[in-house]
N, C-alpha and C. Protein backbone atom coordinates (compact mmCIF):
# COMPACT_ATOMS: atom_id res chain seq x y z
N MET A 1 112.19 77.44 101.42
CA MET A 1 113.07 78.41 102.02
C MET A 1 114.19 77.75 102.82
N ASP A 2 114.13 76.48 103.03
CA ASP A 2 115.17 75.80 103.80
C ASP A 2 116.49 75.75 103.04
N ASN A 3 116.43 75.82 101.70
CA ASN A 3 117.64 75.72 100.88
C ASN A 3 118.43 77.02 100.83
N TYR A 4 117.87 78.11 101.27
CA TYR A 4 118.52 79.42 101.17
C TYR A 4 119.03 79.86 102.53
N LYS A 5 120.22 80.43 102.51
CA LYS A 5 120.79 80.97 103.73
C LYS A 5 120.40 82.43 103.86
N LYS A 6 120.05 82.83 105.03
CA LYS A 6 119.65 84.22 105.26
C LYS A 6 120.87 85.13 105.18
N VAL A 7 120.73 86.22 104.46
CA VAL A 7 121.81 87.19 104.34
C VAL A 7 121.94 87.94 105.65
N GLU A 8 123.13 87.90 106.21
CA GLU A 8 123.35 88.52 107.52
C GLU A 8 124.16 89.80 107.41
N MET A 9 124.17 90.39 106.24
CA MET A 9 124.89 91.65 106.05
C MET A 9 123.88 92.73 105.69
N SER A 10 124.18 93.95 106.09
CA SER A 10 123.30 95.06 105.75
C SER A 10 123.50 95.42 104.28
N ARG A 11 122.58 96.21 103.76
CA ARG A 11 122.71 96.63 102.36
C ARG A 11 123.98 97.43 102.14
N LYS A 12 124.33 98.25 103.10
CA LYS A 12 125.54 99.07 102.99
C LYS A 12 126.78 98.17 102.90
N GLN A 13 126.83 97.14 103.72
CA GLN A 13 127.97 96.21 103.69
C GLN A 13 128.03 95.46 102.36
N ILE A 14 126.87 95.09 101.84
CA ILE A 14 126.83 94.38 100.56
C ILE A 14 127.32 95.29 99.44
N ILE A 15 126.87 96.55 99.44
CA ILE A 15 127.28 97.50 98.39
C ILE A 15 128.78 97.76 98.48
N VAL A 16 129.30 98.00 99.67
CA VAL A 16 130.73 98.25 99.84
C VAL A 16 131.53 97.03 99.41
N ASN A 17 131.08 95.85 99.81
CA ASN A 17 131.77 94.62 99.46
C ASN A 17 131.81 94.43 97.94
N ASN A 18 130.69 94.65 97.26
CA ASN A 18 130.64 94.50 95.81
C ASN A 18 131.45 95.58 95.11
N PHE A 19 131.46 96.80 95.65
CA PHE A 19 132.24 97.88 95.07
C PHE A 19 133.73 97.57 95.14
N ILE A 20 134.19 97.14 96.30
CA ILE A 20 135.61 96.78 96.46
C ILE A 20 135.96 95.59 95.57
N GLY A 21 135.06 94.63 95.47
CA GLY A 21 135.29 93.49 94.59
C GLY A 21 135.39 93.91 93.13
N GLY A 22 134.56 94.85 92.71
CA GLY A 22 134.61 95.34 91.33
C GLY A 22 135.89 96.09 91.03
N ILE A 23 136.34 96.91 91.98
CA ILE A 23 137.60 97.62 91.80
C ILE A 23 138.76 96.62 91.72
N SER A 24 138.74 95.61 92.57
CA SER A 24 139.80 94.60 92.55
C SER A 24 139.80 93.83 91.25
N TRP A 25 138.64 93.49 90.75
CA TRP A 25 138.54 92.76 89.48
C TRP A 25 139.08 93.61 88.34
N GLY A 26 138.69 94.87 88.30
CA GLY A 26 139.16 95.77 87.24
C GLY A 26 140.66 95.99 87.30
N LEU A 27 141.20 96.17 88.50
CA LEU A 27 142.64 96.36 88.66
C LEU A 27 143.40 95.09 88.24
N GLY A 28 142.88 93.95 88.63
CA GLY A 28 143.53 92.69 88.24
C GLY A 28 143.50 92.47 86.74
N ALA A 29 142.38 92.81 86.10
CA ALA A 29 142.28 92.67 84.65
C ALA A 29 143.25 93.62 83.95
N THR A 30 143.40 94.83 84.46
CA THR A 30 144.32 95.80 83.87
C THR A 30 145.77 95.35 84.01
N ILE A 31 146.13 94.90 85.19
CA ILE A 31 147.51 94.43 85.41
C ILE A 31 147.78 93.19 84.56
N GLY A 32 146.83 92.28 84.51
CA GLY A 32 146.99 91.08 83.69
C GLY A 32 147.16 91.40 82.22
N LEU A 33 146.36 92.33 81.72
CA LEU A 33 146.47 92.73 80.31
C LEU A 33 147.81 93.39 80.04
N ALA A 34 148.28 94.21 80.96
CA ALA A 34 149.58 94.86 80.79
C ALA A 34 150.71 93.83 80.73
N ILE A 35 150.63 92.82 81.57
CA ILE A 35 151.67 91.77 81.56
C ILE A 35 151.62 90.99 80.25
N ILE A 36 150.42 90.63 79.81
CA ILE A 36 150.28 89.87 78.56
C ILE A 36 150.77 90.68 77.37
N LEU A 37 150.42 91.97 77.32
CA LEU A 37 150.89 92.81 76.21
C LEU A 37 152.40 93.00 76.24
N ALA A 38 152.97 93.11 77.43
CA ALA A 38 154.43 93.24 77.52
C ALA A 38 155.12 91.98 77.01
N ILE A 39 154.62 90.82 77.41
CA ILE A 39 155.21 89.56 76.93
C ILE A 39 155.02 89.41 75.43
N LEU A 40 153.84 89.75 74.93
CA LEU A 40 153.58 89.67 73.50
C LEU A 40 154.49 90.61 72.72
N THR A 41 154.72 91.81 73.24
CA THR A 41 155.61 92.76 72.59
C THR A 41 157.04 92.23 72.54
N LEU A 42 157.49 91.64 73.63
CA LEU A 42 158.84 91.08 73.64
C LEU A 42 158.98 89.93 72.65
N VAL A 43 157.97 89.09 72.57
CA VAL A 43 158.02 87.96 71.64
C VAL A 43 158.02 88.46 70.20
N LEU A 44 157.14 89.41 69.89
CA LEU A 44 157.09 89.94 68.52
C LEU A 44 158.35 90.71 68.16
N LYS A 45 158.97 91.31 69.15
CA LYS A 45 160.22 92.04 68.91
C LYS A 45 161.33 91.07 68.49
N THR A 46 161.37 89.92 69.11
CA THR A 46 162.42 88.94 68.79
C THR A 46 162.12 88.20 67.49
N VAL A 47 160.84 88.06 67.14
CA VAL A 47 160.48 87.34 65.92
C VAL A 47 160.75 88.20 64.69
N ASN A 48 160.68 89.52 64.85
CA ASN A 48 160.97 90.47 63.78
C ASN A 48 159.97 90.35 62.62
N LEU A 49 158.70 90.47 62.93
CA LEU A 49 157.64 90.41 61.92
C LEU A 49 157.36 91.76 61.27
N VAL A 50 157.96 92.80 61.75
CA VAL A 50 157.65 94.14 61.25
C VAL A 50 157.95 94.28 59.76
N PRO A 51 159.08 93.80 59.24
CA PRO A 51 159.29 93.92 57.79
C PRO A 51 158.23 93.19 56.97
N LEU A 52 157.77 92.05 57.45
CA LEU A 52 156.74 91.31 56.72
C LEU A 52 155.43 92.09 56.69
N VAL A 53 155.07 92.67 57.82
CA VAL A 53 153.84 93.45 57.90
C VAL A 53 153.96 94.71 57.03
N GLY A 54 155.13 95.34 57.06
CA GLY A 54 155.36 96.54 56.26
C GLY A 54 155.27 96.25 54.77
N ASP A 55 155.86 95.14 54.33
CA ASP A 55 155.78 94.76 52.92
C ASP A 55 154.35 94.47 52.51
N PHE A 56 153.62 93.79 53.37
CA PHE A 56 152.22 93.48 53.08
C PHE A 56 151.40 94.76 52.96
N ALA A 57 151.60 95.70 53.87
CA ALA A 57 150.87 96.96 53.82
C ALA A 57 151.22 97.75 52.56
N ALA A 58 152.49 97.72 52.16
CA ALA A 58 152.91 98.42 50.94
C ALA A 58 152.24 97.79 49.71
N LYS A 59 152.18 96.47 49.66
CA LYS A 59 151.54 95.80 48.53
C LYS A 59 150.05 96.12 48.47
N VAL A 60 149.40 96.14 49.61
CA VAL A 60 147.98 96.48 49.65
C VAL A 60 147.77 97.91 49.19
N SER A 61 148.63 98.81 49.62
CA SER A 61 148.53 100.22 49.22
C SER A 61 148.71 100.38 47.71
N VAL A 62 149.70 99.72 47.14
CA VAL A 62 149.92 99.79 45.69
C VAL A 62 148.75 99.20 44.94
N TYR A 63 148.25 98.08 45.41
CA TYR A 63 147.12 97.42 44.75
C TYR A 63 145.88 98.31 44.74
N THR A 64 145.59 98.92 45.89
CA THR A 64 144.39 99.75 45.96
C THR A 64 144.54 101.03 45.14
N THR A 65 145.73 101.61 45.10
CA THR A 65 145.89 102.82 44.28
C THR A 65 145.83 102.50 42.80
N GLN A 66 146.31 101.34 42.38
CA GLN A 66 146.23 100.95 40.98
C GLN A 66 144.79 100.68 40.56
N LYS A 67 144.02 100.05 41.42
CA LYS A 67 142.64 99.69 41.09
C LYS A 67 141.74 100.93 41.09
N THR A 68 142.01 101.89 41.94
CA THR A 68 141.15 103.07 42.00
C THR A 68 141.49 104.10 40.92
N SER A 69 142.71 104.06 40.39
CA SER A 69 143.08 105.05 39.38
C SER A 69 142.64 104.66 37.97
N LYS A 70 142.17 103.44 37.78
CA LYS A 70 141.73 103.00 36.44
C LYS A 70 140.36 103.47 36.11
């Protein structure tokens, strides 16, 4: 027992502390994800990959309709 420090907080203080910590973690994760998605959107907007993705989707659609109609 010498290796462990005695907890000097009440259960209520521990619960409130963990609750506030959880809210802070969730808020930080949400803000971080929003920033990352915004940067990713800006990068993809400048790269102009939409026509490539659209052509690929059209080819897949044509391929699947040809294979299923036979």
